[in-house]
């Protein structure tokens, strides 16, 4: 999976939806793999790990935050920067951050559910 983000390097809604689809696909693949004997088919490539996917997504969100911050600072210094571009970058960073919070909340909820299961 590439670390390249949507428009202008910021986390876009399409990118978030792509990540969601990839996570769901990997979840289905893991479910199918656990249903079989665990034998991998010949010539199968190793998929990217969930941790790598999550790390790439976090890097994209961070890049979006940094871009929005840099554009805001440029605008505040009086440099010639389109206000629409500044606001769009800030909104994209905000959406990326909110999506990250939602993923974190879901992961925490799943962790708590697993830890509360009787052994």
N, C-alpha and C. Protein backbone atom coordinates (compact mmCIF):
# COMPACT_ATOMS: atom_id res chain seq x y z
N UNK A 1 0.85 -1.18 0.00
CA UNK A 1 0.00 0.00 0.00
C UNK A 1 0.88 1.23 0.00
N UNK A 2 0.53 2.14 -0.81
CA UNK A 2 1.31 3.35 -0.96
C UNK A 2 0.93 4.38 0.09
N UNK A 3 1.87 5.20 0.48
CA UNK A 3 1.61 6.25 1.46
C UNK A 3 1.10 7.53 0.80
N UNK A 4 0.78 7.46 -0.51
CA UNK A 4 0.33 8.63 -1.23
C UNK A 4 -1.10 8.91 -0.85
N UNK A 5 -1.40 10.16 -0.54
CA UNK A 5 -2.75 10.53 -0.11
C UNK A 5 -3.50 11.15 -1.27
N UNK A 6 -4.71 11.61 -1.00
CA UNK A 6 -5.59 12.19 -2.01
C UNK A 6 -5.08 13.52 -2.50
N UNK A 7 -5.97 14.41 -2.82
CA UNK A 7 -5.67 15.70 -3.44
C UNK A 7 -4.65 16.47 -2.62
N UNK A 8 -3.53 16.82 -3.24
CA UNK A 8 -2.54 17.66 -2.60
C UNK A 8 -1.86 17.04 -1.40
N UNK A 9 -1.88 15.71 -1.26
CA UNK A 9 -1.20 15.06 -0.14
C UNK A 9 -2.04 15.01 1.12
N UNK A 10 -3.24 15.58 1.12
CA UNK A 10 -4.07 15.57 2.33
C UNK A 10 -4.99 14.36 2.29
N UNK A 11 -5.44 13.95 3.46
CA UNK A 11 -6.34 12.82 3.58
C UNK A 11 -7.71 13.24 3.07
N UNK A 12 -8.18 12.63 1.97
CA UNK A 12 -9.48 12.97 1.43
C UNK A 12 -10.51 11.95 1.87
N UNK A 13 -11.77 12.29 1.66
CA UNK A 13 -12.86 11.40 2.02
C UNK A 13 -12.75 10.11 1.21
N UNK A 14 -12.37 10.23 -0.07
CA UNK A 14 -12.20 9.03 -0.90
C UNK A 14 -11.12 8.13 -0.32
N UNK A 15 -10.05 8.71 0.16
CA UNK A 15 -8.94 7.95 0.74
C UNK A 15 -9.41 7.21 2.00
N UNK A 16 -10.22 7.89 2.82
CA UNK A 16 -10.74 7.27 4.03
C UNK A 16 -11.62 6.08 3.66
N UNK A 17 -12.45 6.27 2.64
CA UNK A 17 -13.33 5.19 2.22
C UNK A 17 -12.53 4.03 1.63
N UNK A 18 -11.44 4.33 0.92
CA UNK A 18 -10.56 3.27 0.40
C UNK A 18 -9.95 2.48 1.55
N UNK A 19 -9.47 3.17 2.57
CA UNK A 19 -8.88 2.50 3.71
C UNK A 19 -9.90 1.62 4.41
N UNK A 20 -11.12 2.13 4.54
CA UNK A 20 -12.20 1.36 5.16
C UNK A 20 -12.46 0.09 4.36
N UNK A 21 -12.54 0.22 3.03
CA UNK A 21 -12.78 -0.94 2.17
C UNK A 21 -11.65 -1.95 2.30
N UNK A 22 -10.40 -1.48 2.36
CA UNK A 22 -9.27 -2.38 2.50
C UNK A 22 -9.30 -3.12 3.83
N UNK A 23 -9.68 -2.42 4.88
CA UNK A 23 -9.76 -3.06 6.19
C UNK A 23 -10.84 -4.13 6.18
N UNK A 24 -11.98 -3.83 5.57
CA UNK A 24 -13.06 -4.81 5.49
C UNK A 24 -12.64 -6.03 4.65
N UNK A 25 -11.94 -5.78 3.54
CA UNK A 25 -11.46 -6.88 2.71
C UNK A 25 -10.48 -7.77 3.48
N UNK A 26 -9.59 -7.16 4.22
CA UNK A 26 -8.62 -7.94 5.00
C UNK A 26 -9.30 -8.71 6.11
N UNK A 27 -10.32 -8.12 6.70
CA UNK A 27 -11.07 -8.81 7.74
C UNK A 27 -11.75 -10.05 7.15
N UNK A 28 -12.34 -9.92 5.96
CA UNK A 28 -12.97 -11.06 5.30
C UNK A 28 -11.92 -12.11 4.94
N UNK A 29 -10.76 -11.67 4.47
CA UNK A 29 -9.70 -12.62 4.13
C UNK A 29 -9.23 -13.37 5.37
N UNK A 30 -9.10 -12.68 6.49
CA UNK A 30 -8.71 -13.34 7.73
C UNK A 30 -9.77 -14.33 8.19
N UNK A 31 -11.03 -13.98 8.00
CA UNK A 31 -12.12 -14.90 8.37
C UNK A 31 -12.07 -16.15 7.51
N UNK A 32 -11.83 -15.97 6.22
CA UNK A 32 -11.72 -17.15 5.33
C UNK A 32 -10.51 -17.98 5.68
N UNK A 33 -9.40 -17.33 6.00
CA UNK A 33 -8.17 -18.06 6.33
C UNK A 33 -8.34 -18.85 7.62
N UNK A 34 -9.04 -18.31 8.59
CA UNK A 34 -9.23 -19.03 9.84
C UNK A 34 -10.21 -20.17 9.67
N UNK A 35 -11.08 -20.11 8.65
CA UNK A 35 -12.03 -21.20 8.40
C UNK A 35 -11.34 -22.39 7.73
N UNK A 36 -10.23 -22.15 7.03
CA UNK A 36 -9.51 -23.24 6.38
C UNK A 36 -8.46 -23.79 7.33
N UNK A 37 -7.68 -24.73 6.84
CA UNK A 37 -6.62 -25.34 7.66
C UNK A 37 -5.46 -24.40 7.91
N UNK A 38 -5.48 -23.25 7.30
CA UNK A 38 -4.39 -22.29 7.48
C UNK A 38 -3.31 -22.45 6.43
N UNK A 39 -3.51 -23.40 5.49
CA UNK A 39 -2.53 -23.61 4.43
C UNK A 39 -2.70 -22.52 3.38
N UNK A 40 -1.61 -21.82 3.07
CA UNK A 40 -1.64 -20.76 2.08
C UNK A 40 -1.54 -21.37 0.69
N UNK A 41 -2.28 -20.87 -0.28
CA UNK A 41 -2.18 -21.38 -1.63
C UNK A 41 -0.80 -21.10 -2.22
N UNK A 42 -0.37 -21.97 -3.12
CA UNK A 42 0.95 -21.82 -3.73
C UNK A 42 1.00 -20.52 -4.53
N UNK A 43 2.07 -19.77 -4.37
CA UNK A 43 2.27 -18.54 -5.11
C UNK A 43 1.56 -17.34 -4.48
N UNK A 44 0.98 -17.51 -3.31
CA UNK A 44 0.28 -16.39 -2.68
C UNK A 44 1.29 -15.41 -2.10
N UNK A 45 1.02 -14.13 -2.29
CA UNK A 45 1.91 -13.12 -1.74
C UNK A 45 1.43 -12.73 -0.35
N UNK A 46 2.34 -12.29 0.46
CA UNK A 46 2.00 -11.90 1.82
C UNK A 46 1.32 -10.53 1.78
N UNK A 47 0.10 -10.42 2.33
CA UNK A 47 -0.57 -9.12 2.33
C UNK A 47 0.08 -8.17 3.33
N UNK A 48 -0.13 -6.90 3.09
CA UNK A 48 0.37 -5.89 4.01
C UNK A 48 -0.34 -6.06 5.35
N UNK A 49 0.39 -5.92 6.44
CA UNK A 49 -0.21 -6.14 7.76
C UNK A 49 -1.13 -4.98 8.13
N UNK A 50 -2.02 -5.25 9.06
CA UNK A 50 -2.93 -4.23 9.55
C UNK A 50 -2.15 -3.08 10.18
N UNK A 51 -1.09 -3.42 10.90
CA UNK A 51 -0.27 -2.39 11.54
C UNK A 51 0.35 -1.46 10.50
N UNK A 52 0.84 -2.03 9.39
CA UNK A 52 1.42 -1.20 8.34
C UNK A 52 0.38 -0.30 7.70
N UNK A 53 -0.81 -0.85 7.47
CA UNK A 53 -1.89 -0.06 6.89
C UNK A 53 -2.28 1.08 7.82
N UNK A 54 -2.38 0.78 9.10
CA UNK A 54 -2.74 1.80 10.07
C UNK A 54 -1.65 2.86 10.17
N UNK A 55 -0.40 2.43 10.15
CA UNK A 55 0.71 3.38 10.22
C UNK A 55 0.72 4.29 8.99
N UNK A 56 0.46 3.74 7.81
CA UNK A 56 0.39 4.56 6.59
C UNK A 56 -0.74 5.58 6.69
N UNK A 57 -1.88 5.14 7.21
CA UNK A 57 -3.02 6.05 7.35
C UNK A 57 -2.69 7.18 8.33
N UNK A 58 -2.03 6.85 9.42
CA UNK A 58 -1.65 7.87 10.39
C UNK A 58 -0.65 8.86 9.81
N UNK A 59 0.26 8.36 8.99
CA UNK A 59 1.22 9.25 8.32
C UNK A 59 0.49 10.20 7.37
N UNK A 60 -0.52 9.68 6.66
CA UNK A 60 -1.29 10.52 5.75
C UNK A 60 -2.04 11.61 6.52
N UNK A 61 -2.64 11.23 7.64
CA UNK A 61 -3.37 12.21 8.46
C UNK A 61 -2.40 13.27 8.98
N UNK A 62 -1.24 12.84 9.43
CA UNK A 62 -0.23 13.78 9.92
C UNK A 62 0.22 14.72 8.81
N UNK A 63 0.42 14.18 7.62
CA UNK A 63 0.82 15.03 6.49
C UNK A 63 -0.26 16.06 6.18
N UNK A 64 -1.52 15.65 6.25
CA UNK A 64 -2.62 16.59 6.03
C UNK A 64 -2.66 17.68 7.07
N UNK A 65 -2.42 17.30 8.34
CA UNK A 65 -2.39 18.29 9.42
C UNK A 65 -1.24 19.28 9.20
N UNK A 66 -0.08 18.76 8.83
CA UNK A 66 1.09 19.62 8.61
C UNK A 66 0.87 20.57 7.44
N UNK A 67 0.24 20.06 6.36
CA UNK A 67 -0.02 20.91 5.19
C UNK A 67 -1.00 22.03 5.57
N UNK A 68 -2.06 21.68 6.28
CA UNK A 68 -3.05 22.68 6.68
C UNK A 68 -2.41 23.73 7.59
N UNK A 69 -1.56 23.28 8.49
CA UNK A 69 -0.88 24.20 9.39
C UNK A 69 0.05 25.14 8.62
N UNK A 70 0.79 24.59 7.67
CA UNK A 70 1.72 25.41 6.89
C UNK A 70 0.96 26.44 6.04
N UNK A 71 -0.15 26.02 5.43
CA UNK A 71 -0.95 26.96 4.64
C UNK A 71 -1.55 28.05 5.52
N UNK A 72 -2.03 27.68 6.70
CA UNK A 72 -2.60 28.67 7.62
C UNK A 72 -1.54 29.67 8.05
N UNK A 73 -0.35 29.19 8.37
CA UNK A 73 0.73 30.09 8.78
C UNK A 73 1.12 31.03 7.65
N UNK A 74 1.16 30.50 6.42
CA UNK A 74 1.49 31.35 5.27
C UNK A 74 0.45 32.44 5.09
N UNK A 75 -0.81 32.08 5.24
CA UNK A 75 -1.89 33.06 5.10
C UNK A 75 -1.81 34.11 6.20
N UNK A 76 -1.52 33.67 7.43
CA UNK A 76 -1.43 34.60 8.55
C UNK A 76 -0.26 35.58 8.42
N UNK A 77 0.82 35.13 7.76
CA UNK A 77 1.98 36.01 7.55
C UNK A 77 1.72 37.01 6.43
N UNK A 78 0.60 36.86 5.73
CA UNK A 78 0.26 37.79 4.66
C UNK A 78 0.78 37.38 3.30
N UNK A 79 1.26 36.17 3.19
CA UNK A 79 1.73 35.69 1.89
C UNK A 79 0.53 35.49 0.97
N UNK A 80 0.79 35.46 -0.33
CA UNK A 80 -0.28 35.29 -1.31
C UNK A 80 -0.70 33.82 -1.34
N UNK A 81 -1.75 33.54 -0.57
CA UNK A 81 -2.30 32.19 -0.50
C UNK A 81 -3.81 32.30 -0.62
N UNK A 82 -4.39 31.48 -1.48
CA UNK A 82 -5.84 31.50 -1.67
C UNK A 82 -6.52 31.01 -0.40
N UNK A 83 -7.45 31.81 0.13
CA UNK A 83 -8.14 31.46 1.36
C UNK A 83 -8.96 30.18 1.19
N UNK A 84 -9.48 29.97 -0.01
CA UNK A 84 -10.25 28.75 -0.27
C UNK A 84 -9.34 27.52 -0.14
N UNK A 85 -8.11 27.65 -0.60
CA UNK A 85 -7.15 26.54 -0.49
C UNK A 85 -6.82 26.26 0.97
N UNK A 86 -6.68 27.31 1.75
CA UNK A 86 -6.39 27.17 3.19
C UNK A 86 -7.55 26.46 3.88
N UNK A 87 -8.76 26.92 3.61
CA UNK A 87 -9.94 26.34 4.26
C UNK A 87 -10.15 24.89 3.83
N UNK A 88 -9.93 24.59 2.55
CA UNK A 88 -10.07 23.22 2.07
C UNK A 88 -9.06 22.30 2.75
N UNK A 89 -7.82 22.75 2.87
CA UNK A 89 -6.80 21.94 3.54
C UNK A 89 -7.16 21.71 5.00
N UNK A 90 -7.68 22.73 5.66
CA UNK A 90 -8.08 22.59 7.07
C UNK A 90 -9.24 21.62 7.21
N UNK A 91 -10.20 21.67 6.29
CA UNK A 91 -11.33 20.75 6.35
C UNK A 91 -10.89 19.32 6.08
N UNK A 92 -9.99 19.13 5.11
CA UNK A 92 -9.49 17.79 4.83
C UNK A 92 -8.73 17.23 6.03
N UNK A 93 -7.95 18.08 6.68
CA UNK A 93 -7.22 17.64 7.87
C UNK A 93 -8.19 17.29 8.99
N UNK A 94 -9.25 18.07 9.10
CA UNK A 94 -10.25 17.82 10.13
C UNK A 94 -10.97 16.49 9.89
N UNK A 95 -11.35 16.23 8.64
CA UNK A 95 -12.02 14.96 8.31
C UNK A 95 -11.09 13.78 8.57
N UNK A 96 -9.83 13.92 8.19
CA UNK A 96 -8.86 12.85 8.45
C UNK A 96 -8.69 12.58 9.92
N UNK A 97 -8.63 13.65 10.71
CA UNK A 97 -8.47 13.50 12.15
C UNK A 97 -9.70 12.86 12.77
N UNK A 98 -10.89 13.28 12.36
CA UNK A 98 -12.13 12.70 12.88
C UNK A 98 -12.22 11.22 12.53
N UNK A 99 -11.83 10.86 11.31
CA UNK A 99 -11.84 9.45 10.92
C UNK A 99 -10.86 8.65 11.77
N UNK A 100 -9.72 9.23 12.05
CA UNK A 100 -8.73 8.56 12.90
C UNK A 100 -9.28 8.35 14.31
N UNK A 101 -9.98 9.35 14.83
CA UNK A 101 -10.59 9.19 16.16
C UNK A 101 -11.64 8.09 16.16
N UNK A 102 -12.42 8.00 15.10
CA UNK A 102 -13.45 6.95 15.02
C UNK A 102 -12.81 5.57 14.97
N UNK A 103 -11.74 5.43 14.21
CA UNK A 103 -11.03 4.14 14.15
C UNK A 103 -10.46 3.80 15.52
N UNK A 104 -9.86 4.79 16.17
CA UNK A 104 -9.31 4.56 17.51
C UNK A 104 -10.40 4.12 18.47
N UNK A 105 -11.55 4.78 18.43
CA UNK A 105 -12.65 4.43 19.32
C UNK A 105 -13.14 3.00 19.07
N UNK A 106 -13.23 2.62 17.80
CA UNK A 106 -13.67 1.25 17.47
C UNK A 106 -12.64 0.23 17.95
N UNK A 107 -11.37 0.53 17.76
CA UNK A 107 -10.32 -0.39 18.22
C UNK A 107 -10.33 -0.53 19.74
N UNK A 108 -10.50 0.59 20.44
CA UNK A 108 -10.57 0.55 21.89
C UNK A 108 -11.78 -0.26 22.36
N UNK A 109 -12.90 -0.06 21.71
CA UNK A 109 -14.11 -0.80 22.05
C UNK A 109 -13.91 -2.30 21.83
N UNK A 110 -13.30 -2.66 20.72
CA UNK A 110 -13.03 -4.07 20.43
C UNK A 110 -12.07 -4.66 21.46
N UNK A 111 -11.05 -3.91 21.82
CA UNK A 111 -10.08 -4.36 22.82
C UNK A 111 -10.77 -4.60 24.17
N UNK A 112 -11.63 -3.65 24.57
CA UNK A 112 -12.34 -3.80 25.83
C UNK A 112 -13.26 -5.02 25.81
N UNK A 113 -13.93 -5.23 24.67
CA UNK A 113 -14.81 -6.39 24.55
C UNK A 113 -14.02 -7.70 24.65
N UNK A 114 -12.87 -7.73 24.01
CA UNK A 114 -12.04 -8.94 24.06
C UNK A 114 -11.51 -9.17 25.46
N UNK A 115 -11.07 -8.11 26.12
CA UNK A 115 -10.53 -8.26 27.48
C UNK A 115 -11.60 -8.64 28.51
N UNK A 116 -12.85 -8.31 28.24
CA UNK A 116 -13.90 -8.65 29.20
C UNK A 116 -14.48 -10.04 28.95
N UNK A 117 -14.03 -10.73 27.89
CA UNK A 117 -14.52 -12.08 27.62
C UNK A 117 -13.97 -13.05 28.66
N UNK A 118 -14.83 -13.96 29.12
CA UNK A 118 -14.31 -14.97 30.05
C UNK A 118 -13.44 -15.96 29.30
N UNK A 119 -12.42 -16.47 29.98
CA UNK A 119 -11.48 -17.39 29.34
C UNK A 119 -11.97 -18.82 29.43
